[in-house]
Protein backbone atom coordinates (compact mmCIF):
# COMPACT_ATOMS: atom_id res chain seq x y z
CA UNK A 1 -10.98 -13.95 35.50
CA UNK A 2 -12.25 -12.90 32.09
CA UNK A 3 -11.72 -14.90 28.96
CA UNK A 4 -9.65 -13.25 26.24
CA UNK A 5 -11.61 -12.40 23.15
CA UNK A 6 -10.54 -13.04 19.60
CA UNK A 7 -9.02 -9.99 17.92
CA UNK A 8 -11.21 -8.12 15.48
CA UNK A 9 -10.21 -7.87 11.79
CA UNK A 10 -9.10 -4.23 12.10
CA UNK A 11 -6.86 -5.18 15.05
CA UNK A 12 -5.23 -7.93 13.00
CA UNK A 13 -4.78 -5.52 10.08
CA UNK A 14 -3.08 -3.02 12.39
CA UNK A 15 -0.90 -5.79 13.83
CA UNK A 16 0.34 -6.70 10.35
CA UNK A 17 1.66 -3.14 9.97
CA UNK A 18 3.13 -2.97 13.47
CA UNK A 19 6.91 -2.35 13.33
CA UNK A 20 7.37 -4.63 16.35
CA UNK A 21 5.91 -7.56 14.40
CA UNK A 22 8.01 -6.74 11.35
CA UNK A 23 11.10 -6.68 13.58
CA UNK A 24 10.11 -10.05 15.05
CA UNK A 25 9.80 -11.49 11.53
CA UNK A 26 13.27 -10.18 10.73
CA UNK A 27 14.88 -11.34 13.99
CA UNK A 28 13.05 -14.61 14.55
CA UNK A 29 15.91 -16.98 13.70
CA UNK A 30 18.82 -14.59 14.00
CA UNK A 31 19.77 -15.07 17.64
CA UNK A 32 19.44 -18.23 19.71
CA UNK A 33 21.02 -16.66 22.82
CA UNK A 34 18.77 -13.59 23.00
CA UNK A 35 17.59 -14.38 26.54
CA UNK A 36 21.04 -13.88 28.02
CA UNK A 37 21.24 -10.32 26.69
CA UNK A 38 17.74 -9.11 27.51
CA UNK A 39 17.19 -6.01 29.62
CA UNK A 40 14.78 -8.12 31.67
CA UNK A 41 17.70 -10.09 33.16
CA UNK A 42 18.28 -7.33 35.71
CA UNK A 43 14.62 -6.74 36.60
CA UNK A 44 12.17 -8.62 38.83
CA UNK A 45 10.16 -10.99 36.59
CA UNK A 46 6.95 -9.89 38.32
CA UNK A 47 7.34 -6.58 36.44
CA UNK A 48 6.54 -8.38 33.18
CA UNK A 49 3.46 -10.16 34.53
CA UNK A 50 1.24 -7.46 36.01
CA UNK A 51 -2.16 -8.33 37.43
CA UNK A 52 -5.05 -7.90 34.96
CA UNK A 53 -6.10 -4.61 36.53
CA UNK A 54 -2.56 -3.17 36.66
CA UNK A 55 -0.91 -1.24 33.80
CA UNK A 56 1.97 -2.86 31.92
CA UNK A 57 3.59 0.49 31.10
CA UNK A 58 6.78 -0.11 33.12
CA UNK A 59 7.46 -3.45 31.44
CA UNK A 60 6.69 -2.14 27.95
CA UNK A 61 9.04 0.83 28.52
CA UNK A 62 11.85 -1.53 29.58
CA UNK A 63 11.27 -3.74 26.54
CA UNK A 64 11.35 -0.81 24.14
CA UNK A 65 14.93 -0.09 25.16
CA UNK A 66 16.03 -3.72 24.76
CA UNK A 67 18.30 -4.90 21.95
CA UNK A 68 16.63 -8.31 21.68
CA UNK A 69 13.03 -7.07 21.48
CA UNK A 70 12.40 -8.68 18.07
CA UNK A 71 13.73 -12.10 19.04
CA UNK A 72 11.76 -11.98 22.29
CA UNK A 73 8.50 -11.19 20.50
CA UNK A 74 9.19 -13.82 17.85
CA UNK A 75 9.67 -16.44 20.57
CA UNK A 76 6.42 -15.46 22.30
CA UNK A 77 4.52 -15.64 19.01
CA UNK A 78 6.06 -18.98 18.03
CA UNK A 79 5.08 -20.61 21.32
CA UNK A 80 1.76 -18.76 21.48
CA UNK A 81 2.43 -17.15 24.86
CA UNK A 82 -0.36 -14.70 25.58
CA UNK A 83 0.55 -13.89 29.18
CA UNK A 84 2.79 -11.09 30.36
CA UNK A 85 4.81 -8.59 28.37
CA UNK A 86 7.10 -9.94 25.64
CA UNK A 87 8.91 -7.86 23.03
CA UNK A 88 7.25 -4.63 24.22
CA UNK A 89 3.75 -5.98 23.58
CA UNK A 90 0.82 -6.61 25.87
CA UNK A 91 -1.20 -9.82 25.71
CA UNK A 92 -4.01 -8.04 23.83
CA UNK A 93 -1.59 -6.73 21.18
CA UNK A 94 0.01 -10.15 20.83
CA UNK A 95 -3.32 -11.90 20.28
CA UNK A 96 -3.82 -9.81 17.14
CA UNK A 97 -0.20 -10.32 16.10
CA UNK A 98 -0.55 -14.04 16.67
CA UNK A 99 -3.30 -14.25 14.04
CA UNK A 100 -1.07 -12.44 11.52
CA UNK A 101 1.96 -14.52 12.57
CA UNK A 102 0.18 -17.85 12.17
CA UNK A 103 -1.50 -16.91 8.90
CA UNK A 104 1.46 -15.37 7.14
CA UNK A 105 4.75 -16.05 8.87
CA UNK A 106 4.62 -19.72 9.73
CA UNK A 107 5.58 -22.01 6.87
CA UNK A 108 2.67 -23.80 5.28
CA UNK A 109 2.62 -27.61 5.15
CA UNK A 110 3.23 -27.40 1.39
CA UNK A 111 6.95 -26.97 2.04
CA UNK A 112 7.65 -23.24 2.05
CA UNK A 113 11.19 -22.68 3.30
CA UNK A 114 11.27 -21.22 6.83
CA UNK A 115 14.16 -18.95 5.93
CA UNK A 116 12.27 -17.46 2.99
CA UNK A 117 13.44 -13.82 2.69
CA UNK A 118 10.16 -12.75 1.12
CA UNK A 119 8.16 -13.37 4.33
CA UNK A 120 8.42 -9.75 5.39
CA UNK A 121 7.40 -8.59 1.90
CA UNK A 122 4.38 -10.92 1.88
CA UNK A 123 3.35 -9.62 5.28
CA UNK A 124 3.59 -6.02 4.08
CA UNK A 125 1.63 -6.63 0.89
CA UNK A 126 -1.37 -7.94 2.82
CA UNK A 127 -1.97 -4.56 4.39
CA UNK A 128 0.24 -1.89 2.79
CA UNK A 129 1.72 0.81 4.99
CA UNK A 130 -0.07 4.12 4.65
């Protein structure tokens, strides 16, 4: 088994612009019961945890059609889960998103309010959309 490498700066910059991450920021505290409505409820869980040498395309395609994709990705980023497919992202994509999530989305110990509506705007200003 290979050890996952740290994402490179350009990967983190791309993750900050990723619409899936922006959706996760928006949906992160919106829905506590997202798991009960996920498309994954009707699919074998093994689909979302392919072997390292197998493609994750089937799982990502299912996730893209799911209504709770943002909440799912937000949960995976909050708990730091880097295995399997969550919120239509692969582990490699999530590692880069996790750096952006931890640096910009999580409240700092100085007391920033978790429900701060400017979080998305701060995330976008770091790396403006082109």
